[in-house]
Protein backbone atom coordinates (compact mmCIF):
# COMPACT_ATOMS: atom_id res chain seq x y z
CA MET A 1 35.67 25.67 8.66
CA HIS A 2 37.66 22.47 9.11
CA LEU A 3 36.42 19.00 8.14
CA LEU A 4 37.34 15.65 9.65
CA VAL A 5 36.18 12.56 7.79
CA ARG A 6 35.54 9.38 9.75
CA LYS A 7 33.54 6.35 8.62
CA ASN A 8 31.53 8.30 6.03
CA VAL A 9 30.72 10.91 8.65
CA TYR A 10 31.60 14.51 7.99
CA PHE A 11 32.30 16.55 11.11
CA ALA A 12 32.19 20.33 10.74
CA PHE A 13 34.20 22.39 13.19
CA LYS A 14 33.57 26.11 13.27
CA SER A 15 36.29 28.68 13.37
CA GLY A 16 36.11 32.43 13.84
CA ARG A 17 33.51 34.33 15.82
CA ASN A 18 31.43 31.25 16.76
CA GLN A 19 34.37 29.38 18.22
CA GLY A 20 33.91 28.63 21.89
CA LYS A 21 30.15 29.11 21.84
CA SER A 22 27.89 26.23 22.80
CA MET A 23 26.24 25.16 19.56
CA ILE A 24 23.70 22.41 19.17
CA LYS A 25 24.73 19.32 17.23
CA ILE A 26 22.51 18.29 14.34
CA VAL A 27 22.93 15.02 12.42
CA VAL A 28 21.85 15.63 8.83
CA ASP A 29 21.20 13.26 5.94
CA SER A 30 23.99 14.33 3.58
CA ASN A 31 21.80 13.79 0.51
CA ILE A 32 19.19 16.36 1.50
CA PRO A 33 19.31 19.05 -1.21
CA PHE A 34 20.40 22.60 -0.40
CA ILE A 35 21.19 21.71 3.24
CA HIS A 36 24.98 22.00 3.07
CA GLY A 37 26.03 25.39 4.40
CA ALA A 38 22.60 26.29 5.75
CA LEU A 39 23.20 25.54 9.44
CA GLU A 40 26.90 26.13 10.01
CA SER A 41 26.51 29.63 11.42
CA VAL A 42 24.08 28.54 14.15
CA ALA A 43 24.84 24.86 14.84
CA THR A 44 27.34 22.05 14.37
CA PRO A 45 25.94 19.90 11.55
CA ILE A 46 27.26 16.39 10.93
CA TYR A 47 26.49 15.09 7.46
CA ILE A 48 25.91 11.35 7.06
CA GLU A 49 24.20 9.33 4.35
CA GLY A 50 20.67 8.57 5.52
CA ASP A 51 20.96 4.79 5.66
CA LYS A 52 24.26 5.05 7.56
CA ILE A 53 22.94 7.11 10.47
CA THR A 54 23.52 4.93 13.55
CA ARG A 55 23.05 5.26 17.29
CA TRP A 56 26.79 5.89 17.60
CA ALA A 57 26.41 8.89 15.30
CA VAL A 58 23.38 10.38 17.09
CA GLU A 59 24.11 9.57 20.74
CA ASP A 60 25.21 13.13 21.53
CA ALA A 61 23.12 14.89 18.87
CA ASP A 62 20.44 17.38 19.81
CA ALA A 63 18.47 17.04 16.57
CA LEU A 64 18.18 15.06 13.36
CA ILE A 65 17.25 16.27 9.88
CA ILE A 66 16.48 13.18 7.83
CA ARG A 67 14.54 11.55 5.00
CA THR A 68 12.79 8.20 4.65
CA ARG A 69 15.99 6.12 4.63
CA THR A 70 16.60 6.80 8.34
CA LEU A 71 14.43 4.72 10.68
CA CYS A 72 13.91 6.71 13.84
CA ASN A 73 12.90 4.14 16.43
CA LYS A 74 14.03 2.76 19.76
CA ASP A 75 17.04 1.05 18.19
CA LEU A 76 18.35 4.39 16.94
CA LEU A 77 17.22 6.77 19.66
CA GLU A 78 17.37 4.98 23.02
CA GLY A 79 20.02 6.46 25.27
CA THR A 80 20.67 9.46 23.02
CA ARG A 81 20.08 13.11 23.79
CA VAL A 82 18.02 13.74 20.65
CA LYS A 83 15.24 16.21 21.36
CA TYR A 84 13.93 16.94 17.87
CA ILE A 85 13.56 15.12 14.54
CA ALA A 86 12.69 16.91 11.30
CA THR A 87 12.05 14.83 8.20
CA ALA A 88 12.21 16.67 4.88
CA THR A 89 9.43 14.45 3.51
CA ILE A 90 5.67 14.36 3.46
CA GLY A 91 5.49 10.85 4.90
CA HIS A 92 6.59 10.08 8.44
CA ASP A 93 6.08 6.32 8.71
CA HIS A 94 9.86 5.97 9.19
CA ILE A 95 9.50 7.74 12.55
CA ASP A 96 8.18 5.76 15.54
CA THR A 97 5.92 8.54 16.71
CA GLU A 98 4.69 6.61 19.76
CA TYR A 99 8.24 6.09 20.98
CA CYS A 100 8.98 9.78 20.42
CA LEU A 101 5.88 10.81 22.37
CA LYS A 102 6.78 8.57 25.31
CA ASN A 103 10.33 9.86 25.37
CA ASN A 104 9.63 13.57 24.93
CA ILE A 105 11.14 13.76 21.45
CA ARG A 106 9.39 16.27 19.21
CA TRP A 107 9.19 15.72 15.47
CA SER A 108 7.94 17.35 12.29
CA ASN A 109 7.43 16.43 8.66
CA ALA A 110 6.97 18.57 5.56
CA PRO A 111 3.34 18.16 4.46
CA GLY A 112 2.59 19.53 1.03
CA CYS A 113 6.20 20.41 0.22
CA ASN A 114 6.27 18.40 -2.99
CA ALA A 115 2.57 18.27 -3.86
CA PRO A 116 3.03 20.30 -7.10
CA ALA A 117 5.88 17.98 -8.15
CA VAL A 118 3.85 14.81 -7.59
CA CYS A 119 1.00 16.32 -9.59
CA GLN A 120 3.47 17.15 -12.36
CA TYR A 121 4.66 13.52 -12.30
CA ILE A 122 1.13 12.11 -12.55
CA LEU A 123 0.13 14.55 -15.30
CA SER A 124 3.33 13.75 -17.20
CA ALA A 125 2.51 10.03 -17.04
CA ILE A 126 -1.02 10.70 -18.31
CA SER A 127 0.31 13.01 -21.04
CA ARG A 128 2.76 10.38 -22.24
CA LEU A 129 0.01 7.75 -22.39
CA TYR A 130 -2.21 10.10 -24.39
CA ILE A 131 0.48 11.24 -26.84
CA GLN A 132 1.49 7.62 -27.49
CA GLY A 133 -2.12 6.61 -28.13
CA LYS A 134 -2.35 4.37 -25.07
CA LEU A 135 -5.03 6.49 -23.42
CA LYS A 136 -8.00 6.66 -25.76
CA GLU A 137 -10.23 9.00 -23.79
CA LYS A 138 -9.66 12.67 -24.61
CA LYS A 139 -11.29 13.68 -21.32
CA PRO A 140 -10.84 10.66 -19.03
CA THR A 141 -12.31 10.16 -15.59
CA LEU A 142 -9.59 10.36 -12.96
CA GLY A 143 -10.23 8.62 -9.66
CA ILE A 144 -8.14 10.04 -6.83
CA ILE A 145 -7.87 7.95 -3.67
CA GLY A 146 -6.62 10.24 -0.92
CA ALA A 147 -7.54 13.92 -1.12
CA GLY A 148 -4.87 15.50 1.04
CA ASN A 149 -2.36 18.09 -0.18
CA ILE A 150 -1.47 16.11 -3.29
CA GLY A 151 -4.95 14.81 -4.01
CA ARG A 152 -6.49 18.28 -3.75
CA ARG A 153 -3.90 19.84 -6.03
CA LEU A 154 -4.17 16.98 -8.53
CA SER A 155 -7.95 17.36 -8.56
CA GLU A 156 -7.65 21.08 -9.34
CA ALA A 157 -5.16 20.46 -12.16
CA ALA A 158 -7.22 17.65 -13.65
CA ASN A 159 -10.35 19.80 -13.57
CA ALA A 160 -8.43 22.58 -15.32
CA ILE A 161 -7.53 20.22 -18.16
CA GLY A 162 -11.12 19.03 -18.42
CA PHE A 163 -11.05 15.63 -16.75
CA LYS A 164 -13.95 14.35 -14.72
CA VAL A 165 -12.63 13.80 -11.19
CA LEU A 166 -13.86 11.37 -8.55
CA LEU A 167 -12.49 11.75 -5.01
CA ASN A 168 -12.35 9.12 -2.28
CA ASP A 169 -11.13 10.07 1.18
CA PRO A 170 -13.00 8.46 4.10
CA PRO A 171 -11.41 10.62 6.85
CA ARG A 172 -12.28 13.83 5.02
CA GLU A 173 -15.74 12.53 4.14
CA GLU A 174 -16.40 11.85 7.80
CA ARG A 175 -15.41 15.41 8.70
CA GLU A 176 -16.93 17.25 5.75
CA GLY A 177 -19.87 15.14 4.62
CA SER A 178 -20.33 13.00 1.51
CA GLY A 179 -21.18 15.74 -0.99
CA LYS A 180 -17.81 15.91 -2.77
CA PHE A 181 -16.67 12.31 -2.26
CA THR A 182 -17.28 9.01 -4.05
CA ASP A 183 -17.62 5.53 -2.61
CA ILE A 184 -14.53 3.41 -3.33
CA ASP A 185 -16.50 0.82 -5.32
CA ASP A 186 -18.06 3.51 -7.52
CA LEU A 187 -14.68 5.15 -8.02
CA LEU A 188 -12.98 1.90 -9.02
CA SER A 189 -15.72 0.89 -11.45
CA ASN A 190 -16.03 4.28 -13.15
CA SER A 191 -12.48 5.64 -13.42
CA ASP A 192 -10.28 5.43 -16.51
CA ILE A 193 -7.24 6.32 -14.39
CA ILE A 194 -6.84 5.63 -10.69
CA SER A 195 -4.22 7.49 -8.66
CA ILE A 196 -3.41 6.50 -5.09
CA ASN A 197 -2.30 9.45 -2.96
CA THR A 198 -2.94 8.22 0.57
CA PRO A 199 -0.62 8.07 3.56
CA LEU A 200 0.56 4.65 4.67
CA ASN A 201 -1.60 3.59 7.61
CA LEU A 202 -0.58 0.17 8.88
CA HIS A 203 -3.50 -0.29 11.27
CA GLY A 204 -6.76 1.21 12.39
CA ARG A 205 -9.98 2.34 10.88
CA TYR A 206 -8.37 3.99 7.89
CA LYS A 207 -5.82 1.31 7.19
CA THR A 208 -4.23 1.68 3.74
CA PHE A 209 -1.60 -1.06 4.02
CA GLN A 210 -1.96 -3.27 0.90
CA MET A 211 -5.31 -1.70 0.05
CA ALA A 212 -4.54 -2.19 -3.66
CA GLY A 213 -4.72 -5.98 -3.50
CA SER A 214 -6.59 -8.64 -5.46
CA SER A 215 -10.03 -7.45 -4.30
CA PHE A 216 -9.17 -3.88 -5.34
CA PHE A 217 -8.31 -4.97 -8.88
CA ASP A 218 -11.31 -7.29 -9.11
CA ARG A 219 -13.51 -4.22 -8.69
CA ILE A 220 -11.59 -1.92 -11.02
CA LYS A 221 -12.90 -0.84 -14.40
CA LYS A 222 -11.50 -3.16 -17.06
CA GLY A 223 -8.84 -1.36 -19.07
CA ALA A 224 -8.17 1.37 -16.48
CA TRP A 225 -4.70 2.68 -15.65
CA PHE A 226 -3.27 2.37 -12.12
CA ILE A 227 -0.85 4.94 -10.66
CA ASN A 228 0.87 4.68 -7.27
CA THR A 229 2.94 7.60 -5.99
CA ALA A 230 1.95 7.16 -2.34
CA ARG A 231 3.88 4.40 -0.57
CA GLY A 232 4.94 0.99 -1.84
CA PRO A 233 3.15 -1.05 0.85
CA VAL A 234 -0.17 0.57 -0.10
CA MET A 235 -0.25 -1.96 -2.94
CA GLN A 236 0.42 -5.67 -3.28
CA SER A 237 3.00 -6.00 -6.03
CA SER A 238 1.80 -9.44 -7.06
CA ALA A 239 -1.77 -8.17 -7.42
CA VAL A 240 -0.67 -5.33 -9.69
CA VAL A 241 1.36 -7.74 -11.84
CA LYS A 242 -1.59 -10.13 -12.14
CA ALA A 243 -3.94 -7.28 -13.07
CA VAL A 244 -1.59 -6.26 -15.89
CA GLN A 245 -0.94 -9.80 -17.11
CA THR A 246 -4.64 -10.70 -17.19
CA ASN A 247 -5.53 -7.42 -18.92
CA ARG A 248 -7.71 -6.43 -16.01
CA ILE A 249 -5.95 -3.08 -16.17
CA LYS A 250 -4.36 -1.49 -19.21
CA GLY A 251 -1.15 -0.80 -17.35
CA ALA A 252 0.53 0.61 -14.24
CA VAL A 253 2.69 3.59 -13.33
CA VAL A 254 4.75 2.80 -10.25
CA ASP A 255 7.04 5.21 -8.39
CA VAL A 256 7.04 3.56 -4.95
CA TRP A 257 7.91 -0.02 -4.05
CA GLU A 258 7.18 -2.45 -1.25
CA ASN A 259 10.81 -3.14 -0.32
CA GLU A 260 12.73 -0.06 -1.39
CA PRO A 261 15.40 0.33 -2.56
CA VAL A 262 14.79 -3.16 -3.98
CA THR A 263 12.19 -3.22 -6.74
CA ASP A 264 9.99 -6.21 -7.52
CA ASN A 265 11.38 -7.64 -10.77
CA GLU A 266 8.02 -8.75 -12.14
CA LEU A 267 6.30 -5.49 -11.32
CA ARG A 268 9.14 -3.40 -12.72
CA ARG A 269 8.96 -5.29 -16.01
CA ALA A 270 5.15 -5.26 -16.11
CA ALA A 271 4.79 -1.55 -15.33
CA GLU A 272 4.39 0.83 -18.25
CA ILE A 273 6.36 3.40 -16.26
CA ALA A 274 8.64 2.50 -13.33
CA THR A 275 10.64 5.12 -11.44
CA PRO A 276 12.80 5.17 -8.26
CA HIS A 277 10.56 7.09 -5.82
CA ILE A 278 11.19 10.47 -7.42
CA ALA A 279 7.65 11.72 -8.10
CA GLY A 280 8.17 14.61 -5.69
CA TYR A 281 11.74 15.35 -6.75
CA SER A 282 11.30 18.73 -8.38
CA VAL A 283 13.81 21.40 -7.42
CA GLU A 284 11.03 23.41 -5.78
CA GLY A 285 9.76 20.38 -3.85
CA LYS A 286 13.22 19.57 -2.55
CA ALA A 287 13.90 23.18 -1.61
CA MET A 288 10.63 23.51 0.27
CA GLY A 289 11.07 20.20 2.12
CA THR A 290 14.52 21.29 3.24
CA ALA A 291 13.30 24.75 4.16
CA MET A 292 10.42 23.39 6.25
CA SER A 293 12.84 21.16 8.16
CA VAL A 294 15.40 23.90 8.78
CA ARG A 295 12.65 26.27 9.93
CA ALA A 296 11.16 23.64 12.25
CA VAL A 297 14.51 22.97 13.93
CA SER A 298 15.13 26.71 14.11
CA ARG A 299 11.83 27.34 15.88
CA PHE A 300 12.41 24.56 18.38
CA PHE A 301 15.93 25.67 19.31
CA ASP A 302 15.43 29.40 18.61
CA LEU A 303 18.16 29.57 15.97
CA GLY A 304 16.83 32.61 14.11
CA MET A 305 16.29 30.83 10.77
CA ASN A 306 12.50 30.72 10.79
CA ASN A 307 12.24 32.11 7.23
CA TRP A 308 15.20 30.32 5.67
CA TYR A 309 15.02 29.29 2.00
CA PRO A 310 17.77 28.39 -0.49
CA LYS A 311 19.23 31.51 -2.05
CA LYS A 312 19.18 30.32 -5.65
CA LEU A 313 17.53 27.50 -7.56
CA PRO A 314 19.04 26.04 -10.74
CA PRO A 315 17.25 27.16 -13.93
CA PRO A 316 15.41 24.72 -16.19
CA PRO A 317 17.46 23.53 -19.18
CA HIS A 318 14.85 24.64 -21.76
CA PRO A 319 12.57 27.26 -20.18
CA PHE A 320 10.54 28.20 -23.26
CA ILE A 321 7.76 26.04 -24.72
CA LYS A 322 6.87 26.62 -28.36
CA THR A 323 3.37 25.72 -29.45
CA ASP A 324 3.76 25.78 -33.22
CA ASN A 325 2.86 22.55 -35.05
CA CYS A 326 0.86 21.37 -32.04
CA ILE A 327 -2.50 19.75 -32.63
CA GLU A 328 -4.96 21.71 -30.50
CA ASN A 329 -5.95 18.80 -28.26
CA GLU A 330 -2.31 17.88 -27.65
CA LEU A 331 -0.97 21.31 -26.71
CA ILE A 332 -1.55 20.95 -22.98
CA TYR A 333 -0.06 17.47 -22.86
CA ARG A 334 3.01 18.53 -24.82
CA ALA A 335 3.56 21.52 -22.55
CA ILE A 336 3.43 19.20 -19.53
CA LEU A 337 5.89 16.76 -21.13
CA HIS A 338 8.23 19.62 -22.01
CA SER A 339 8.43 20.53 -18.33
CA TYR A 340 9.03 16.91 -17.35
CA ASN A 341 9.36 13.87 -19.62
CA ILE A 342 8.75 11.00 -17.24
CA GLU A 343 9.94 8.37 -19.72
CA SER A 344 13.61 9.22 -19.19
CA ASP A 345 13.36 8.35 -15.49
CA SER A 346 11.59 5.09 -16.29
CA ILE A 347 14.21 4.06 -18.84
CA ARG A 348 16.98 4.65 -16.29
CA LEU A 349 15.39 2.48 -13.61
CA LYS A 350 14.33 -0.32 -15.93
CA SER A 351 17.79 -0.53 -17.48
CA ASP A 352 19.68 -0.40 -14.17
CA PRO A 353 17.43 -1.21 -11.17
CA GLU A 354 20.42 -1.88 -8.90
CA GLN A 355 21.18 1.84 -8.98
CA PHE A 356 17.86 2.83 -7.36
CA GLU A 357 19.49 4.92 -4.61
CA LEU A 358 22.13 6.40 -6.90
CA GLN A 359 19.41 7.56 -9.28
CA ARG A 360 17.54 9.21 -6.43
CA ASN A 361 20.58 10.87 -4.91
CA ASN A 362 21.84 12.16 -8.27
CA TYR A 363 18.52 13.16 -9.73
CA PRO A 364 18.69 15.71 -12.59
CA VAL A 365 17.20 19.17 -12.41
CA ARG A 366 13.42 19.11 -12.74
CA ARG A 367 11.59 22.41 -12.41
CA GLU A 368 7.84 22.79 -11.93
CA PHE A 369 5.37 24.38 -14.34
CA GLY A 370 5.97 27.90 -13.03
CA ALA A 371 9.57 27.88 -14.25
CA TYR A 372 8.43 27.54 -17.89
CA THR A 373 7.04 30.06 -20.34
CA VAL A 374 4.59 29.02 -23.05
CA MET A 375 5.07 31.03 -26.24
CA GLY A 376 1.40 31.75 -26.59
CA ARG A 377 0.59 33.98 -29.58
CA ASP A 378 -1.56 31.37 -31.34
CA ILE A 379 -2.98 29.55 -28.34
CA SER A 380 -6.76 29.36 -28.16
CA HIS A 381 -8.54 31.07 -25.32
CA ASP A 382 -9.42 27.74 -23.66
CA ASN A 383 -5.85 26.41 -23.82
CA LEU A 384 -4.48 29.73 -22.63
CA LYS A 385 -6.78 29.55 -19.62
CA THR A 386 -5.72 25.96 -18.91
CA VAL A 387 -1.96 26.54 -19.03
CA LYS A 388 -2.37 29.55 -16.76
CA ARG A 389 -4.36 27.49 -14.25
CA LEU A 390 -1.65 24.83 -14.31
CA GLY A 391 0.90 27.51 -13.38
CA PHE A 392 2.82 28.06 -16.63
CA LYS A 393 3.91 31.57 -17.58
CA ILE A 394 2.64 32.98 -20.87
CA ASP A 395 4.41 35.06 -23.52
CA HIS A 396 1.65 36.46 -25.76
CA LYS A 397 3.99 38.14 -28.25
CA HIS A 398 5.99 35.22 -29.56
CA ASN A 399 5.46 31.71 -30.80
């Protein structure tokens, strides 16, 4: 393969048996993990940083594989030959779906690809608060707003640990009935921790844009914790800051921001934990998001890669979790923090917020619970059951 570099664009030219064949051209966000080398045998990929993908770069492209930093709208797509857009993300608000529909451009996202990672992030935040004595309730009530892929998985994990869980999801409640769901006012007034896991809906009946505003925090239980891993515009930054400063809430965990990659200075300083939109950035989540995008493009263009997945994932740095010297009630929380200590990500962003994108694009290896083994000889039956339900492996012989 030969590479020609031009204006931060990497052109890949095939040599050998594929030379001379008509291959589709795919513009790819160069920061998508595991994507380099995946498509070269069946297509001509052009790797460009996501925020540098322009109409000039895509005018003769057949497909795009992108993330949230690439706005796919009329300004980018008009006059191009793009037929398909795959985003390796759960959210798709960066794609003008109405424009795509009108112009016969198909698109796909990657729903659920990083749901386990986001749950790990939220549970790590809760574990840190508990270990540091900032969360007093041993079995808190967790209010989950948005019960999609992430909300469902988070609910299951929280139930496994022993939390009481309240779910609010008006679209699901309308389809399934009110039996398993809680009114938003009841959820806000009765939850010790509130996690927002909704999509960003700018308009319509189920609008979520700035739902966490002043009225939201006026109704919240005094001393509750607020967590947002959904989208930045789902909250009003100023309202979160005021709620912290007036002690309406105990504190906030913020992974997403209204004007990314710029973070609100006041909110970043006020937040107990502030991270650069990396809640879903586990190795497994990244691999699955990439795989879902490659498979979607493959199906559309019949490229024969419908089952593609990265060949090898990097191992965790410390795969074994010892449980000796653990207080019984803390064992689960310490196991979660061993798999992912959220504080390190928060320290990086708070100390150098200008490097938001660099921190995302050079994120360290984070593996999910299933990559870790709990040395479980002395674990109680209840804790053993919990760590298994969370997905950890168990070694019964050693401790």
